[in-house]
Amino acid sequence: MRKAILVLTILFFAFGTINAQFQEGKSHAGPSIGLSFLGSTVSFGANYEYGMKLADLPGLIGVGGIFRYWSYGNEFWSYTYIIVGAQGNYHFKVGNGKIDPYLGLTLAYNAGSSSWAGSGFGSGLSSGFSGGIWFGFQAGARYWFSPNMAVNARFGAGSGSGLDIGVDFKF
């Protein structure tokens, strides 16, 4: 029985090493949770990328979308950020493919809002829209711990700014 478990474990890890990587022609998507730089609050999000190969590049390009939501406030103002955007990442080929480092750009729209919550000075200020078009960049890495599942850690500045960690699935 012990030998069967050992053989199955070795096959599982060998299969995972061969197939666990960002791949051309595959979709990669998953949820994330992070810390926003705006208001130092928890953000919730989702990422999507489709892997593509460009002729003269040694790595792969991932093209897709992002979604982020967070809100925070103080005694005077409350802010809500809803980020929907497009991203493009360059994935470097390193080692056996279990580690997938990337750098990328994001163009996003913030559909967020702000509102005045205080009284006294400034009470005449109106609530309103605090959104607009955002441009940003990101750097991150996935660690593929199975053929179709990875942990994704990401640092972003600009649209959807913050530190995120998530789980991505390949399909």
Protein backbone atom coordinates (compact mmCIF):
# COMPACT_ATOMS: atom_id res chain seq x y z
CA MET A 1 0.00 0.00 0.00
CA ARG A 2 2.84 2.39 0.87
CA LYS A 3 4.50 1.76 -2.50
CA ALA A 4 1.26 2.51 -4.35
CA ILE A 5 0.87 5.83 -2.50
CA LEU A 6 4.51 6.69 -3.21
CA VAL A 7 4.12 5.90 -6.93
CA LEU A 8 0.89 7.93 -7.16
CA THR A 9 2.54 10.87 -5.38
CA ILE A 10 5.55 10.80 -7.72
CA LEU A 11 3.28 10.62 -10.79
CA PHE A 12 1.14 13.50 -9.47
CA PHE A 13 4.18 15.75 -8.96
CA ALA A 14 5.80 14.70 -12.25
CA PHE A 15 2.56 15.43 -14.13
CA GLY A 16 2.24 18.74 -12.28
CA THR A 17 5.79 19.76 -13.17
CA ILE A 18 5.29 19.01 -16.86
CA ASN A 19 1.92 20.73 -17.26
CA ALA A 20 1.84 23.38 -14.53
CA GLN A 21 2.58 26.63 -16.35
CA PHE A 22 1.06 29.62 -18.07
CA GLN A 23 0.12 28.24 -21.48
CA GLU A 24 -0.62 29.49 -24.96
CA GLY A 25 -4.23 28.95 -26.00
CA LYS A 26 -5.47 28.52 -22.41
CA SER A 27 -7.52 30.79 -20.15
CA HIS A 28 -6.29 31.62 -16.67
CA ALA A 29 -8.74 33.17 -14.20
CA GLY A 30 -9.46 33.47 -10.52
CA PRO A 31 -10.45 35.55 -7.51
CA SER A 32 -8.12 37.74 -5.46
CA ILE A 33 -8.06 39.56 -2.16
CA GLY A 34 -5.68 42.36 -1.41
CA LEU A 35 -4.70 45.54 0.32
CA SER A 36 -5.49 48.73 -1.56
CA PHE A 37 -3.05 51.63 -1.44
CA LEU A 38 -6.04 53.99 -1.47
CA GLY A 39 -7.39 54.01 2.06
CA SER A 40 -5.38 50.95 3.15
CA THR A 41 -8.45 48.77 2.99
CA VAL A 42 -9.18 45.24 1.84
CA SER A 43 -9.98 44.88 -1.85
CA PHE A 44 -11.77 42.05 -3.63
CA GLY A 45 -11.16 41.20 -7.24
CA ALA A 46 -10.93 38.85 -10.16
CA ASN A 47 -8.33 38.38 -12.92
CA TYR A 48 -8.57 36.84 -16.37
CA GLU A 49 -5.85 36.20 -18.97
CA TYR A 50 -5.69 34.31 -22.25
CA GLY A 51 -2.21 33.03 -23.20
CA MET A 52 -0.80 33.94 -26.63
CA LYS A 53 2.57 33.44 -28.33
CA LEU A 54 4.14 36.24 -30.36
CA ALA A 55 6.63 35.19 -33.04
CA ASP A 56 9.90 36.73 -31.84
CA LEU A 57 9.40 36.71 -28.06
CA PRO A 58 10.76 33.93 -25.87
CA GLY A 59 7.91 34.28 -23.33
CA LEU A 60 4.15 34.46 -23.67
CA ILE A 61 1.68 37.34 -23.66
CA GLY A 62 -1.45 37.21 -21.52
CA VAL A 63 -4.37 39.44 -22.53
CA GLY A 64 -7.51 39.78 -20.45
CA GLY A 65 -9.36 41.75 -17.82
CA ILE A 66 -9.40 42.75 -14.18
CA PHE A 67 -12.09 43.65 -11.67
CA ARG A 68 -11.48 45.24 -8.26
CA TYR A 69 -13.81 46.52 -5.54
CA TRP A 70 -13.01 48.32 -2.31
CA SER A 71 -14.50 51.01 -0.19
CA TYR A 72 -13.38 53.04 2.79
CA GLY A 73 -14.21 56.18 4.65
CA ASN A 74 -13.50 58.46 7.54
CA GLU A 75 -15.67 60.74 9.62
CA PHE A 76 -16.20 63.09 6.66
CA TRP A 77 -16.05 61.15 3.40
CA SER A 78 -16.81 57.68 2.13
CA TYR A 79 -15.32 56.31 -1.08
CA THR A 80 -16.23 53.33 -3.24
CA TYR A 81 -14.00 52.08 -6.06
CA ILE A 82 -15.23 49.68 -8.71
CA ILE A 83 -12.46 49.05 -11.23
CA VAL A 84 -13.15 47.26 -14.54
CA GLY A 85 -10.34 47.09 -17.04
CA ALA A 86 -8.14 45.38 -19.58
CA GLN A 87 -4.68 44.04 -18.89
CA GLY A 88 -1.74 42.77 -20.90
CA ASN A 89 1.12 40.87 -19.28
CA TYR A 90 4.43 39.51 -20.53
CA HIS A 91 5.17 36.11 -18.95
CA PHE A 92 8.86 35.21 -18.65
CA LYS A 93 9.94 31.61 -19.23
CA VAL A 94 11.96 30.44 -16.23
CA GLY A 95 12.89 27.01 -14.94
CA ASN A 96 10.40 24.18 -15.23
CA GLY A 97 7.33 26.43 -15.53
CA LYS A 98 6.07 26.08 -11.96
CA ILE A 99 7.04 29.71 -11.31
CA ASP A 100 5.45 32.21 -13.71
CA PRO A 101 6.78 35.79 -13.26
CA TYR A 102 5.13 38.57 -15.29
CA LEU A 103 5.09 42.32 -15.91
CA GLY A 104 2.17 44.15 -17.43
CA LEU A 105 0.01 47.18 -18.10
CA THR A 106 -3.59 47.93 -17.22
CA LEU A 107 -6.13 50.37 -18.65
CA ALA A 108 -9.23 50.54 -16.48
CA TYR A 109 -12.35 52.51 -15.72
CA ASN A 110 -13.24 53.41 -12.13
CA ALA A 111 -17.01 53.45 -11.75
CA GLY A 112 -16.68 54.50 -8.11
CA SER A 113 -18.24 57.31 -6.14
CA SER A 114 -17.66 59.46 -3.10
CA SER A 115 -20.04 60.95 -0.60
CA TRP A 116 -19.87 63.56 2.14
CA ALA A 117 -20.69 62.10 5.54
CA GLY A 118 -19.78 64.98 7.85
CA SER A 119 -21.48 68.08 9.14
CA GLY A 120 -20.22 71.59 9.79
CA PHE A 121 -17.36 72.84 7.62
CA GLY A 122 -17.70 71.36 4.17
CA SER A 123 -21.28 70.24 4.64
CA GLY A 124 -22.22 72.19 1.53
CA LEU A 125 -19.95 69.97 -0.59
CA SER A 126 -21.87 67.58 -2.76
CA SER A 127 -21.41 63.89 -3.09
CA GLY A 128 -20.39 62.72 -6.48
CA PHE A 129 -18.44 60.64 -8.84
CA SER A 130 -14.78 60.00 -8.11
CA GLY A 131 -14.04 57.69 -11.01
CA GLY A 132 -12.54 57.96 -14.44
CA ILE A 133 -9.97 56.27 -16.66
CA TRP A 134 -6.93 54.84 -14.88
CA PHE A 135 -3.64 53.60 -16.32
CA GLY A 136 -1.37 51.33 -14.33
CA PHE A 137 1.27 48.64 -14.31
CA GLN A 138 1.73 45.42 -12.39
CA ALA A 139 4.34 42.86 -11.52
CA GLY A 140 3.59 39.45 -10.16
CA ALA A 141 4.19 35.75 -10.16
CA ARG A 142 2.17 32.57 -10.09
CA TYR A 143 3.25 29.37 -8.43
CA TRP A 144 1.60 26.35 -10.07
CA PHE A 145 1.06 23.75 -7.36
CA SER A 146 -1.06 21.54 -9.64
CA PRO A 147 -1.53 21.31 -13.42
CA ASN A 148 -4.58 23.61 -13.37
CA MET A 149 -4.28 25.68 -10.18
CA ALA A 150 -1.82 28.36 -9.05
CA VAL A 151 -1.32 30.91 -6.31
CA ASN A 152 -0.99 34.39 -7.83
CA ALA A 153 0.76 37.25 -5.98
CA ARG A 154 0.60 40.67 -7.63
CA PHE A 155 1.75 44.23 -6.97
CA GLY A 156 -0.08 46.93 -8.93
CA ALA A 157 0.32 50.68 -9.21
CA GLY A 158 -2.33 52.81 -10.90
CA SER A 159 -5.59 51.09 -11.73
CA GLY A 160 -6.53 48.64 -9.04
CA SER A 161 -3.46 49.63 -7.02
CA GLY A 162 -2.37 47.36 -4.25
CA LEU A 163 -0.98 44.07 -3.16
CA ASP A 164 -3.12 41.09 -4.14
CA ILE A 165 -3.01 37.37 -3.61
CA GLY A 166 -5.34 34.97 -5.32
CA VAL A 167 -5.90 31.56 -6.78
CA ASP A 168 -5.94 31.14 -10.56
CA PHE A 169 -7.39 28.25 -12.49
CA LYS A 170 -6.34 27.15 -15.99
CA PHE A 171 -9.00 25.97 -18.41
